[in-house]
């Protein structure tokens, strides 16, 4: 689903640890010629750029792919977090939201399509 966009500039809102991968996402992106920027309110992996998504982030609209690996539902100001994601993706880029749909009482919000 997101693999065609991994060769470009990728921004992740929180570190994207996907269970079914046998390597780190940053290695997969680098192997495809892309770059990964990761923002979070804490440094979990050590390379995250510190950012509170509850506040306007002023990202440049330069990313081919913005990954939300299940972060925005943990932001109290979920609307601002979504605006931050939308402002970071360039025209023609994609946003992937991986928020859980069946985890009740997980985060501040439960999203439903």
PDB file of N, CA and C in Angstrom:
ATOM      1  N   UNK A   1       0.820  -1.189   0.000  1.00  0.00           N
ATOM      2  CA  UNK A   1       0.000   0.000   0.000  1.00  0.00           C
ATOM      3  C   UNK A   1       0.869   1.261   0.000  1.00  0.00           C
ATOM      4  N   UNK A   2       1.856   1.331   0.887  1.00  0.00           N
ATOM      5  CA  UNK A   2       2.705   2.519   0.938  1.00  0.00           C
ATOM      6  C   UNK A   2       4.032   2.306   0.238  1.00  0.00           C
ATOM      7  N   UNK A   3       4.326   1.077  -0.149  1.00  0.00           N
ATOM      8  CA  UNK A   3       5.636   0.750  -0.716  1.00  0.00           C
ATOM      9  C   UNK A   3       6.024   1.594  -1.927  1.00  0.00           C
ATOM     10  N   UNK A   4       5.125   1.932  -2.848  1.00  0.00           N
ATOM     11  CA  UNK A   4       5.544   2.757  -3.993  1.00  0.00           C
ATOM     12  C   UNK A   4       6.049   4.148  -3.603  1.00  0.00           C
ATOM     13  N   UNK A   5       5.736   4.611  -2.397  1.00  0.00           N
ATOM     14  CA  UNK A   5       6.113   5.955  -1.968  1.00  0.00           C
ATOM     15  C   UNK A   5       7.338   5.965  -1.059  1.00  0.00           C
ATOM     16  N   UNK A   6       7.892   4.800  -0.749  1.00  0.00           N
ATOM     17  CA  UNK A   6       9.020   4.732   0.175  1.00  0.00           C
ATOM     18  C   UNK A   6      10.324   5.226  -0.431  1.00  0.00           C
ATOM     19  N   UNK A   7      10.381   5.408  -1.732  1.00  0.00           N
ATOM     20  CA  UNK A   7      11.595   5.888  -2.392  1.00  0.00           C
ATOM     21  C   UNK A   7      11.729   7.392  -2.381  1.00  0.00           C
ATOM     22  N   UNK A   8      10.795   8.093  -1.778  1.00  0.00           N
ATOM     23  CA  UNK A   8      10.835   9.552  -1.722  1.00  0.00           C
ATOM     24  C   UNK A   8      11.094  10.049  -0.314  1.00  0.00           C
ATOM     25  N   UNK A   9      10.707  11.274  -0.077  1.00  0.00           N
ATOM     26  CA  UNK A   9      10.827  11.868   1.252  1.00  0.00           C
ATOM     27  C   UNK A   9       9.639  11.412   2.094  1.00  0.00           C
ATOM     28  N   UNK A  10       9.918  10.774   3.222  1.00  0.00           N
ATOM     29  CA  UNK A  10       8.889  10.202   4.081  1.00  0.00           C
ATOM     30  C   UNK A  10       8.959  10.869   5.453  1.00  0.00           C
ATOM     31  N   UNK A  11       7.807  11.284   5.948  1.00  0.00           N
ATOM     32  CA  UNK A  11       7.696  11.821   7.302  1.00  0.00           C
ATOM     33  C   UNK A  11       6.808  10.887   8.102  1.00  0.00           C
ATOM     34  N   UNK A  12       7.272  10.492   9.275  1.00  0.00           N
ATOM     35  CA  UNK A  12       6.462   9.651  10.141  1.00  0.00           C
ATOM     36  C   UNK A  12       6.114  10.418  11.411  1.00  0.00           C
ATOM     37  N   UNK A  13       4.845  10.375  11.770  1.00  0.00           N
ATOM     38  CA  UNK A  13       4.363  10.998  13.005  1.00  0.00           C
ATOM     39  C   UNK A  13       4.460   9.953  14.112  1.00  0.00           C
ATOM     40  N   UNK A  14       5.599   9.887  14.754  1.00  0.00           N
ATOM     41  CA  UNK A  14       5.897   8.793  15.675  1.00  0.00           C
ATOM     42  C   UNK A  14       6.682   7.736  14.911  1.00  0.00           C
ATOM     43  N   UNK A  15       7.377   6.875  15.622  1.00  0.00           N
ATOM     44  CA  UNK A  15       8.187   5.851  14.952  1.00  0.00           C
ATOM     45  C   UNK A  15       7.297   4.732  14.421  1.00  0.00           C
ATOM     46  N   UNK A  16       7.404   4.427  13.132  1.00  0.00           N
ATOM     47  CA  UNK A  16       6.518   3.415  12.528  1.00  0.00           C
ATOM     48  C   UNK A  16       7.074   2.001  12.669  1.00  0.00           C
ATOM     49  N   UNK A  17       6.735   1.313  13.729  1.00  0.00           N
ATOM     50  CA  UNK A  17       7.164  -0.072  13.879  1.00  0.00           C
ATOM     51  C   UNK A  17       6.035  -0.978  13.404  1.00  0.00           C
ATOM     52  N   UNK A  18       6.238  -1.593  12.261  1.00  0.00           N
ATOM     53  CA  UNK A  18       5.235  -2.479  11.683  1.00  0.00           C
ATOM     54  C   UNK A  18       5.596  -3.912  12.039  1.00  0.00           C
ATOM     55  N   UNK A  19       4.649  -4.654  12.581  1.00  0.00           N
ATOM     56  CA  UNK A  19       4.895  -5.992  13.105  1.00  0.00           C
ATOM     57  C   UNK A  19       5.370  -6.999  12.051  1.00  0.00           C
ATOM     58  N   UNK A  20       4.922  -6.874  10.842  1.00  0.00           N
ATOM     59  CA  UNK A  20       5.201  -7.906   9.836  1.00  0.00           C
ATOM     60  C   UNK A  20       6.480  -7.657   9.050  1.00  0.00           C
ATOM     61  N   UNK A  21       7.278  -6.715   9.485  1.00  0.00           N
ATOM     62  CA  UNK A  21       8.514  -6.419   8.758  1.00  0.00           C
ATOM     63  C   UNK A  21       9.684  -7.086   9.459  1.00  0.00           C
ATOM     64  N   UNK A  22      10.621  -7.613   8.663  1.00  0.00           N
ATOM     65  CA  UNK A  22      11.797  -8.249   9.234  1.00  0.00           C
ATOM     66  C   UNK A  22      12.998  -7.302   9.273  1.00  0.00           C
ATOM     67  N   UNK A  23      12.767  -6.021   9.027  1.00  0.00           N
ATOM     68  CA  UNK A  23      13.823  -5.024   9.098  1.00  0.00           C
ATOM     69  C   UNK A  23      13.225  -3.718   9.609  1.00  0.00           C
ATOM     70  N   UNK A  24      14.087  -2.770   9.921  1.00  0.00           N
ATOM     71  CA  UNK A  24      13.601  -1.470  10.366  1.00  0.00           C
ATOM     72  C   UNK A  24      13.111  -0.675   9.167  1.00  0.00           C
ATOM     73  N   UNK A  25      12.095   0.132   9.385  1.00  0.00           N
ATOM     74  CA  UNK A  25      11.496   0.912   8.302  1.00  0.00           C
ATOM     75  C   UNK A  25      12.510   1.863   7.682  1.00  0.00           C
ATOM     76  N   UNK A  26      13.401   2.445   8.490  1.00  0.00           N
ATOM     77  CA  UNK A  26      14.382   3.369   7.930  1.00  0.00           C
ATOM     78  C   UNK A  26      15.346   2.665   6.984  1.00  0.00           C
ATOM     79  N   UNK A  27      15.648   1.372   7.234  1.00  0.00           N
ATOM     80  CA  UNK A  27      16.511   0.616   6.328  1.00  0.00           C
ATOM     81  C   UNK A  27      15.795   0.317   5.011  1.00  0.00           C
ATOM     82  N   UNK A  28      14.512  -0.004   5.089  1.00  0.00           N
ATOM     83  CA  UNK A  28      13.727  -0.273   3.888  1.00  0.00           C
ATOM     84  C   UNK A  28      13.617   0.982   3.026  1.00  0.00           C
ATOM     85  N   UNK A  29      13.363   2.123   3.657  1.00  0.00           N
ATOM     86  CA  UNK A  29      13.250   3.386   2.926  1.00  0.00           C
ATOM     87  C   UNK A  29      14.583   3.751   2.290  1.00  0.00           C
ATOM     88  N   UNK A  30      15.680   3.608   3.031  1.00  0.00           N
ATOM     89  CA  UNK A  30      17.016   3.911   2.488  1.00  0.00           C
ATOM     90  C   UNK A  30      17.357   2.991   1.324  1.00  0.00           C
ATOM     91  N   UNK A  31      16.973   1.715   1.408  1.00  0.00           N
ATOM     92  CA  UNK A  31      17.249   0.767   0.328  1.00  0.00           C
ATOM     93  C   UNK A  31      16.504   1.141  -0.955  1.00  0.00           C
ATOM     94  N   UNK A  32      15.380   1.829  -0.823  1.00  0.00           N
ATOM     95  CA  UNK A  32      14.612   2.255  -1.988  1.00  0.00           C
ATOM     96  C   UNK A  32      15.014   3.653  -2.454  1.00  0.00           C
ATOM     97  N   UNK A  33      16.024   4.248  -1.789  1.00  0.00           N
ATOM     98  CA  UNK A  33      16.507   5.559  -2.189  1.00  0.00           C
ATOM     99  C   UNK A  33      15.795   6.718  -1.528  1.00  0.00           C
ATOM    100  N   UNK A  34      14.969   6.440  -0.527  1.00  0.00           N
ATOM    101  CA  UNK A  34      14.215   7.487   0.145  1.00  0.00           C
ATOM    102  C   UNK A  34      14.879   7.956   1.427  1.00  0.00           C
ATOM    103  N   UNK A  35      14.259   8.928   2.039  1.00  0.00           N
ATOM    104  CA  UNK A  35      14.738   9.450   3.317  1.00  0.00           C
ATOM    105  C   UNK A  35      13.583   9.451   4.310  1.00  0.00           C
ATOM    106  N   UNK A  36      13.896   9.196   5.574  1.00  0.00           N
ATOM    107  CA  UNK A  36      12.887   9.169   6.625  1.00  0.00           C
ATOM    108  C   UNK A  36      13.167  10.267   7.632  1.00  0.00           C
ATOM    109  N   UNK A  37      12.154  11.078   7.890  1.00  0.00           N
ATOM    110  CA  UNK A  37      12.160  12.010   9.012  1.00  0.00           C
ATOM    111  C   UNK A  37      11.077  11.528   9.954  1.00  0.00           C
ATOM    112  N   UNK A  38      11.365  11.580  11.222  1.00  0.00           N
ATOM    113  CA  UNK A  38      10.419  11.081  12.211  1.00  0.00           C
ATOM    114  C   UNK A  38      10.252  12.130  13.299  1.00  0.00           C
ATOM    115  N   UNK A  39       9.011  12.479  13.616  1.00  0.00           N
ATOM    116  CA  UNK A  39       8.740  13.432  14.685  1.00  0.00           C
ATOM    117  C   UNK A  39       7.984  12.733  15.806  1.00  0.00           C
ATOM    118  N   UNK A  40       8.267  13.156  17.025  1.00  0.00           N
ATOM    119  CA  UNK A  40       7.570  12.600  18.180  1.00  0.00           C
ATOM    120  C   UNK A  40       7.754  13.567  19.339  1.00  0.00           C
ATOM    121  N   UNK A  41       6.962  13.385  20.365  1.00  0.00           N
ATOM    122  CA  UNK A  41       7.072  14.249  21.531  1.00  0.00           C
ATOM    123  C   UNK A  41       8.233  13.803  22.432  1.00  0.00           C
ATOM    124  N   UNK A  42       8.705  12.555  22.264  1.00  0.00           N
ATOM    125  CA  UNK A  42       9.873  12.012  22.956  1.00  0.00           C
ATOM    126  C   UNK A  42      10.792  11.350  21.950  1.00  0.00           C
ATOM    127  N   UNK A  43      12.046  11.174  22.306  1.00  0.00           N
ATOM    128  CA  UNK A  43      12.987  10.431  21.462  1.00  0.00           C
ATOM    129  C   UNK A  43      13.000   8.974  21.932  1.00  0.00           C
ATOM    130  N   UNK A  44      12.300   8.125  21.190  1.00  0.00           N
ATOM    131  CA  UNK A  44      12.237   6.705  21.527  1.00  0.00           C
ATOM    132  C   UNK A  44      13.378   5.941  20.856  1.00  0.00           C
ATOM    133  N   UNK A  45      13.661   6.268  19.600  1.00  0.00           N
ATOM    134  CA  UNK A  45      14.712   5.599  18.836  1.00  0.00           C
ATOM    135  C   UNK A  45      16.012   6.410  18.836  1.00  0.00           C
ATOM    136  N   UNK A  46      15.925   7.687  19.194  1.00  0.00           N
ATOM    137  CA  UNK A  46      17.113   8.517  19.278  1.00  0.00           C
ATOM    138  C   UNK A  46      17.279   9.511  18.146  1.00  0.00           C
ATOM    139  N   UNK A  47      16.550   9.337  17.041  1.00  0.00           N
ATOM    140  CA  UNK A  47      16.723  10.247  15.901  1.00  0.00           C
ATOM    141  C   UNK A  47      15.482  11.077  15.600  1.00  0.00           C
ATOM    142  N   UNK A  48      14.468  10.966  16.435  1.00  0.00           N
ATOM    143  CA  UNK A  48      13.241  11.724  16.209  1.00  0.00           C
ATOM    144  C   UNK A  48      13.491  13.222  16.400  1.00  0.00           C
ATOM    145  N   UNK A  49      12.784  14.012  15.618  1.00  0.00           N
ATOM    146  CA  UNK A  49      12.746  15.452  15.803  1.00  0.00           C
ATOM    147  C   UNK A  49      11.629  15.711  16.800  1.00  0.00           C
ATOM    148  N   UNK A  50      11.924  16.431  17.870  1.00  0.00           N
ATOM    149  CA  UNK A  50      10.909  16.667  18.893  1.00  0.00           C
ATOM    150  C   UNK A  50       9.841  17.618  18.379  1.00  0.00           C
ATOM    151  N   UNK A  51       8.583  17.209  18.542  1.00  0.00           N
ATOM    152  CA  UNK A  51       7.462  17.973  18.016  1.00  0.00           C
ATOM    153  C   UNK A  51       6.205  17.586  18.784  1.00  0.00           C
ATOM    154  N   UNK A  52       5.435  18.580  19.180  1.00  0.00           N
ATOM    155  CA  UNK A  52       4.140  18.349  19.806  1.00  0.00           C
ATOM    156  C   UNK A  52       3.078  18.550  18.734  1.00  0.00           C
ATOM    157  N   UNK A  53       2.482  17.474  18.268  1.00  0.00           N
ATOM    158  CA  UNK A  53       1.503  17.545  17.180  1.00  0.00           C
ATOM    159  C   UNK A  53       0.202  18.214  17.594  1.00  0.00           C
ATOM    160  N   UNK A  54       0.025  18.486  18.886  1.00  0.00           N
ATOM    161  CA  UNK A  54      -1.141  19.234  19.350  1.00  0.00           C
ATOM    162  C   UNK A  54      -1.050  20.714  18.980  1.00  0.00           C
ATOM    163  N   UNK A  55       0.139  21.151  18.610  1.00  0.00           N
ATOM    164  CA  UNK A  55       0.396  22.548  18.241  1.00  0.00           C
ATOM    165  C   UNK A  55       0.712  22.624  16.748  1.00  0.00           C
ATOM    166  N   UNK A  56       0.509  23.774  16.100  1.00  0.00           N
ATOM    167  CA  UNK A  56       0.896  23.900  14.685  1.00  0.00           C
ATOM    168  C   UNK A  56       2.384  23.589  14.512  1.00  0.00           C
ATOM    169  N   UNK A  57       2.696  22.705  13.584  1.00  0.00           N
ATOM    170  CA  UNK A  57       4.072  22.236  13.407  1.00  0.00           C
ATOM    171  C   UNK A  57       4.817  22.968  12.296  1.00  0.00           C
ATOM    172  N   UNK A  58       4.117  23.585  11.364  1.00  0.00           N
ATOM    173  CA  UNK A  58       4.732  24.338  10.263  1.00  0.00           C
ATOM    174  C   UNK A  58       5.719  23.485   9.464  1.00  0.00           C
ATOM    175  N   UNK A  59       5.292  22.279   9.107  1.00  0.00           N
ATOM    176  CA  UNK A  59       6.121  21.426   8.256  1.00  0.00           C
ATOM    177  C   UNK A  59       6.162  22.003   6.846  1.00  0.00           C
ATOM    178  N   UNK A  60       7.292  21.899   6.172  1.00  0.00           N
ATOM    179  CA  UNK A  60       7.294  22.263   4.753  1.00  0.00           C
ATOM    180  C   UNK A  60       6.535  21.192   3.968  1.00  0.00           C
ATOM    181  N   UNK A  61       5.788  21.589   2.967  1.00  0.00           N
ATOM    182  CA  UNK A  61       4.998  20.643   2.164  1.00  0.00           C
ATOM    183  C   UNK A  61       5.908  19.967   1.145  1.00  0.00           C
ATOM    184  N   UNK A  62       6.806  19.118   1.631  1.00  0.00           N
ATOM    185  CA  UNK A  62       7.817  18.514   0.769  1.00  0.00           C
ATOM    186  C   UNK A  62       7.861  16.993   0.826  1.00  0.00           C
ATOM    187  N   UNK A  63       6.953  16.378   1.556  1.00  0.00           N
ATOM    188  CA  UNK A  63       7.016  14.933   1.744  1.00  0.00           C
ATOM    189  C   UNK A  63       6.141  14.201   0.733  1.00  0.00           C
ATOM    190  N   UNK A  64       6.692  13.133   0.170  1.00  0.00           N
ATOM    191  CA  UNK A  64       5.941  12.279  -0.749  1.00  0.00           C
ATOM    192  C   UNK A  64       4.948  11.404   0.005  1.00  0.00           C
ATOM    193  N   UNK A  65       5.311  11.075   1.238  1.00  0.00           N
ATOM    194  CA  UNK A  65       4.476  10.201   2.062  1.00  0.00           C
ATOM    195  C   UNK A  65       4.561  10.660   3.510  1.00  0.00           C
ATOM    196  N   UNK A  66       3.413  10.783   4.146  1.00  0.00           N
ATOM    197  CA  UNK A  66       3.340  11.025   5.587  1.00  0.00           C
ATOM    198  C   UNK A  66       2.691   9.794   6.196  1.00  0.00           C
ATOM    199  N   UNK A  67       3.384   9.186   7.153  1.00  0.00           N
ATOM    200  CA  UNK A  67       2.883   7.988   7.820  1.00  0.00           C
ATOM    201  C   UNK A  67       2.423   8.360   9.226  1.00  0.00           C
ATOM    202  N   UNK A  68       1.189   8.022   9.525  1.00  0.00           N
ATOM    203  CA  UNK A  68       0.676   8.111  10.891  1.00  0.00           C
ATOM    204  C   UNK A  68       0.509   6.671  11.358  1.00  0.00           C
ATOM    205  N   UNK A  69       1.502   6.136  12.080  1.00  0.00           N
ATOM    206  CA  UNK A  69       1.434   4.720  12.456  1.00  0.00           C
ATOM    207  C   UNK A  69       0.578   4.457  13.690  1.00  0.00           C
ATOM    208  N   UNK A  70      -0.368   5.333  13.967  1.00  0.00           N
ATOM    209  CA  UNK A  70      -1.213   5.190  15.141  1.00  0.00           C
ATOM    210  C   UNK A  70      -0.825   6.204  16.197  1.00  0.00           C
ATOM    211  N   UNK A  71      -0.597   7.431  15.758  1.00  0.00           N
ATOM    212  CA  UNK A  71      -0.164   8.490  16.668  1.00  0.00           C
ATOM    213  C   UNK A  71      -1.262   9.503  16.928  1.00  0.00           C
ATOM    214  N   UNK A  72      -2.006   9.909  15.907  1.00  0.00           N
ATOM    215  CA  UNK A  72      -2.931  11.036  16.071  1.00  0.00           C
ATOM    216  C   UNK A  72      -4.033  10.763  17.099  1.00  0.00           C
ATOM    217  N   UNK A  73      -4.412   9.499  17.302  1.00  0.00           N
ATOM    218  CA  UNK A  73      -5.454   9.240  18.288  1.00  0.00           C
ATOM    219  C   UNK A  73      -4.950   9.447  19.718  1.00  0.00           C
ATOM    220  N   UNK A  74      -3.633   9.614  19.869  1.00  0.00           N
ATOM    221  CA  UNK A  74      -3.040   9.908  21.175  1.00  0.00           C
ATOM    222  C   UNK A  74      -2.841  11.407  21.386  1.00  0.00           C
ATOM    223  N   UNK A  75      -3.183  12.212  20.395  1.00  0.00           N
ATOM    224  CA  UNK A  75      -3.078  13.667  20.501  1.00  0.00           C
ATOM    225  C   UNK A  75      -4.428  14.220  20.955  1.00  0.00           C
ATOM    226  N   UNK A  76      -4.416  15.002  22.017  1.00  0.00           N
ATOM    227  CA  UNK A  76      -5.665  15.572  22.500  1.00  0.00           C
ATOM    228  C   UNK A  76      -6.304  16.457  21.439  1.00  0.00           C
ATOM    229  N   UNK A  77      -5.484  17.248  20.737  1.00  0.00           N
ATOM    230  CA  UNK A  77      -5.970  18.115  19.663  1.00  0.00           C
ATOM    231  C   UNK A  77      -5.808  17.369  18.334  1.00  0.00           C
ATOM    232  N   UNK A  78      -6.644  16.356  18.131  1.00  0.00           N
ATOM    233  CA  UNK A  78      -6.523  15.491  16.956  1.00  0.00           C
ATOM    234  C   UNK A  78      -6.707  16.269  15.653  1.00  0.00           C
ATOM    235  N   UNK A  79      -7.536  17.307  15.678  1.00  0.00           N
ATOM    236  CA  UNK A  79      -7.724  18.131  14.480  1.00  0.00           C
ATOM    237  C   UNK A  79      -6.428  18.793  14.063  1.00  0.00           C
ATOM    238  N   UNK A  80      -5.684  19.348  15.019  1.00  0.00           N
ATOM    239  CA  UNK A  80      -4.403  19.983  14.697  1.00  0.00           C
ATOM    240  C   UNK A  80      -3.393  18.943  14.223  1.00  0.00           C
ATOM    241  N   UNK A  81      -3.401  17.771  14.817  1.00  0.00           N
ATOM    242  CA  UNK A  81      -2.495  16.708  14.382  1.00  0.00           C
ATOM    243  C   UNK A  81      -2.772  16.322  12.927  1.00  0.00           C
ATOM    244  N   UNK A  82      -4.039  16.252  12.554  1.00  0.00           N
ATOM    245  CA  UNK A  82      -4.404  15.947  11.161  1.00  0.00           C
ATOM    246  C   UNK A  82      -3.998  17.094  10.225  1.00  0.00           C
ATOM    247  N   UNK A  83      -4.179  18.325  10.668  1.00  0.00           N
ATOM    248  CA  UNK A  83      -3.751  19.480   9.862  1.00  0.00           C
ATOM    249  C   UNK A  83      -2.237  19.439   9.667  1.00  0.00           C
ATOM    250  N   UNK A  84      -1.498  19.092  10.705  1.00  0.00           N
ATOM    251  CA  UNK A  84      -0.041  18.982  10.579  1.00  0.00           C
ATOM    252  C   UNK A  84       0.344  17.940   9.541  1.00  0.00           C
ATOM    253  N   UNK A  85      -0.341  16.805   9.550  1.00  0.00           N
ATOM    254  CA  UNK A  85      -0.065  15.760   8.552  1.00  0.00           C
ATOM    255  C   UNK A  85      -0.374  16.267   7.149  1.00  0.00           C
ATOM    256  N   UNK A  86      -1.515  16.916   7.001  1.00  0.00           N
ATOM    257  CA  UNK A  86      -1.916  17.409   5.676  1.00  0.00           C
ATOM    258  C   UNK A  86      -0.996  18.510   5.173  1.00  0.00           C
ATOM    259  N   UNK A  87      -0.460  19.317   6.077  1.00  0.00           N
ATOM    260  CA  UNK A  87       0.417  20.405   5.638  1.00  0.00           C
ATOM    261  C   UNK A  87       1.798  19.909   5.251  1.00  0.00           C
ATOM    262  N   UNK A  88       2.165  18.705   5.665  1.00  0.00           N
ATOM    263  CA  UNK A  88       3.500  18.186   5.381  1.00  0.00           C
ATOM    264  C   UNK A  88       3.600  17.481   4.033  1.00  0.00           C
ATOM    265  N   UNK A  89       2.484  16.998   3.507  1.00  0.00           N
ATOM    266  CA  UNK A  89       2.520  16.232   2.259  1.00  0.00           C
ATOM    267  C   UNK A  89       2.474  17.181   1.065  1.00  0.00           C
ATOM    268  N   UNK A  90       3.289  16.865   0.055  1.00  0.00           N
ATOM    269  CA  UNK A  90       3.293  17.730  -1.126  1.00  0.00           C
ATOM    270  C   UNK A  90       2.163  17.338  -2.068  1.00  0.00           C
ATOM    271  N   UNK A  91       1.892  18.188  -3.021  1.00  0.00           N
ATOM    272  CA  UNK A  91       0.837  17.916  -4.005  1.00  0.00           C
ATOM    273  C   UNK A  91       1.161  16.593  -4.706  1.00  0.00           C
ATOM    274  N   UNK A  92       0.207  15.694  -4.712  1.00  0.00           N
ATOM    275  CA  UNK A  92       0.398  14.380  -5.322  1.00  0.00           C
ATOM    276  C   UNK A  92       0.916  13.338  -4.353  1.00  0.00           C
ATOM    277  N   UNK A  93       1.276  13.750  -3.139  1.00  0.00           N
ATOM    278  CA  UNK A  93       1.754  12.815  -2.131  1.00  0.00           C
ATOM    279  C   UNK A  93       0.596  12.107  -1.447  1.00  0.00           C
ATOM    280  N   UNK A  94       0.922  11.237  -0.530  1.00  0.00           N
ATOM    281  CA  UNK A  94      -0.088  10.425   0.161  1.00  0.00           C
ATOM    282  C   UNK A  94       0.121  10.495   1.665  1.00  0.00           C
ATOM    283  N   UNK A  95      -0.983  10.329   2.391  1.00  0.00           N
ATOM    284  CA  UNK A  95      -0.949  10.201   3.840  1.00  0.00           C
ATOM    285  C   UNK A  95      -1.524   8.832   4.182  1.00  0.00           C
ATOM    286  N   UNK A  96      -0.805   8.086   4.994  1.00  0.00           N
ATOM    287  CA  UNK A  96      -1.265   6.779   5.458  1.00  0.00           C
ATOM    288  C   UNK A  96      -1.540   6.866   6.951  1.00  0.00           C
ATOM    289  N   UNK A  97      -2.797   6.710   7.330  1.00  0.00           N
ATOM    290  CA  UNK A  97      -3.181   6.686   8.740  1.00  0.00           C
ATOM    291  C   UNK A  97      -3.363   5.232   9.156  1.00  0.00           C
ATOM    292  N   UNK A  98      -2.600   4.813  10.156  1.00  0.00           N
ATOM    293  CA  UNK A  98      -2.687   3.444  10.660  1.00  0.00           C
ATOM    294  C   UNK A  98      -3.328   3.387  12.027  1.00  0.00           C
ATOM    295  N   UNK A  99      -4.321   4.214  12.247  1.00  0.00           N
ATOM    296  CA  UNK A  99      -4.995   4.228  13.547  1.00  0.00           C
ATOM    297  C   UNK A  99      -5.848   2.979  13.712  1.00  0.00           C
ATOM    298  N   UNK A 100      -5.833   2.381  14.900  1.00  0.00           N
ATOM    299  CA  UNK A 100      -6.619   1.160  15.102  1.00  0.00           C
ATOM    300  C   UNK A 100      -8.118   1.460  15.102  1.00  0.00           C
ATOM    301  N   UNK A 101      -8.881   0.553  14.561  1.00  0.00           N
ATOM    302  CA  UNK A 101     -10.333   0.720  14.504  1.00  0.00           C
ATOM    303  C   UNK A 101     -11.064  -0.112  15.561  1.00  0.00           C
ATOM    304  N   UNK A 102     -10.380  -1.066  16.167  1.00  0.00           N
ATOM    305  CA  UNK A 102     -11.065  -1.980  17.071  1.00  0.00           C
ATOM    306  C   UNK A 102     -10.491  -1.990  18.486  1.00  0.00           C
ATOM    307  N   UNK A 103      -9.623  -1.041  18.822  1.00  0.00           N
ATOM    308  CA  UNK A 103      -9.018  -1.008  20.153  1.00  0.00           C
ATOM    309  C   UNK A 103      -9.752   0.026  21.004  1.00  0.00           C
ATOM    310  N   UNK A 104     -10.767  -0.421  21.716  1.00  0.00           N
ATOM    311  CA  UNK A 104     -11.536   0.482  22.560  1.00  0.00           C
ATOM    312  C   UNK A 104     -10.681   0.981  23.721  1.00  0.00           C
ATOM    313  N   UNK A 105     -10.930   2.232  24.124  1.00  0.00           N
ATOM    314  CA  UNK A 105     -10.194   2.870  25.215  1.00  0.00           C
ATOM    315  C   UNK A 105      -8.691   2.905  24.955  1.00  0.00           C
ATOM    316  N   UNK A 106      -8.317   3.137  23.716  1.00  0.00           N
ATOM    317  CA  UNK A 106      -6.916   3.230  23.313  1.00  0.00           C
ATOM    318  C   UNK A 106      -6.676   4.644  22.809  1.00  0.00           C
ATOM    319  N   UNK A 107      -5.896   5.421  23.515  1.00  0.00           N
ATOM    320  CA  UNK A 107      -5.667   6.797  23.115  1.00  0.00           C
ATOM    321  C   UNK A 107      -6.842   7.674  23.558  1.00  0.00           C
ATOM    322  N   UNK A 108      -6.855   8.900  23.066  1.00  0.00           N
ATOM    323  CA  UNK A 108      -7.950   9.822  23.390  1.00  0.00           C
ATOM    324  C   UNK A 108      -9.165   9.562  22.507  1.00  0.00           C
ATOM    325  N   UNK A 109      -8.952   9.063  21.288  1.00  0.00           N
ATOM    326  CA  UNK A 109     -10.037   8.927  20.319  1.00  0.00           C
ATOM    327  C   UNK A 109     -10.039   7.525  19.722  1.00  0.00           C
ATOM    328  N   UNK A 110     -11.219   7.035  19.408  1.00  0.00           N
ATOM    329  CA  UNK A 110     -11.381   5.838  18.604  1.00  0.00           C
ATOM    330  C   UNK A 110     -11.920   6.296  17.258  1.00  0.00           C
ATOM    331  N   UNK A 111     -11.187   6.012  16.212  1.00  0.00           N
ATOM    332  CA  UNK A 111     -11.586   6.443  14.866  1.00  0.00           C
ATOM    333  C   UNK A 111     -12.428   5.359  14.220  1.00  0.00           C
ATOM    334  N   UNK A 112     -13.398   5.801  13.446  1.00  0.00           N
ATOM    335  CA  UNK A 112     -14.305   4.873  12.787  1.00  0.00           C
ATOM    336  C   UNK A 112     -14.576   5.398  11.384  1.00  0.00           C
ATOM    337  N   UNK A 113     -14.397   4.545  10.380  1.00  0.00           N
ATOM    338  CA  UNK A 113     -14.618   5.032   9.006  1.00  0.00           C
ATOM    339  C   UNK A 113     -16.068   5.341   8.757  1.00  0.00           C
TER     340      UNK A 113
END
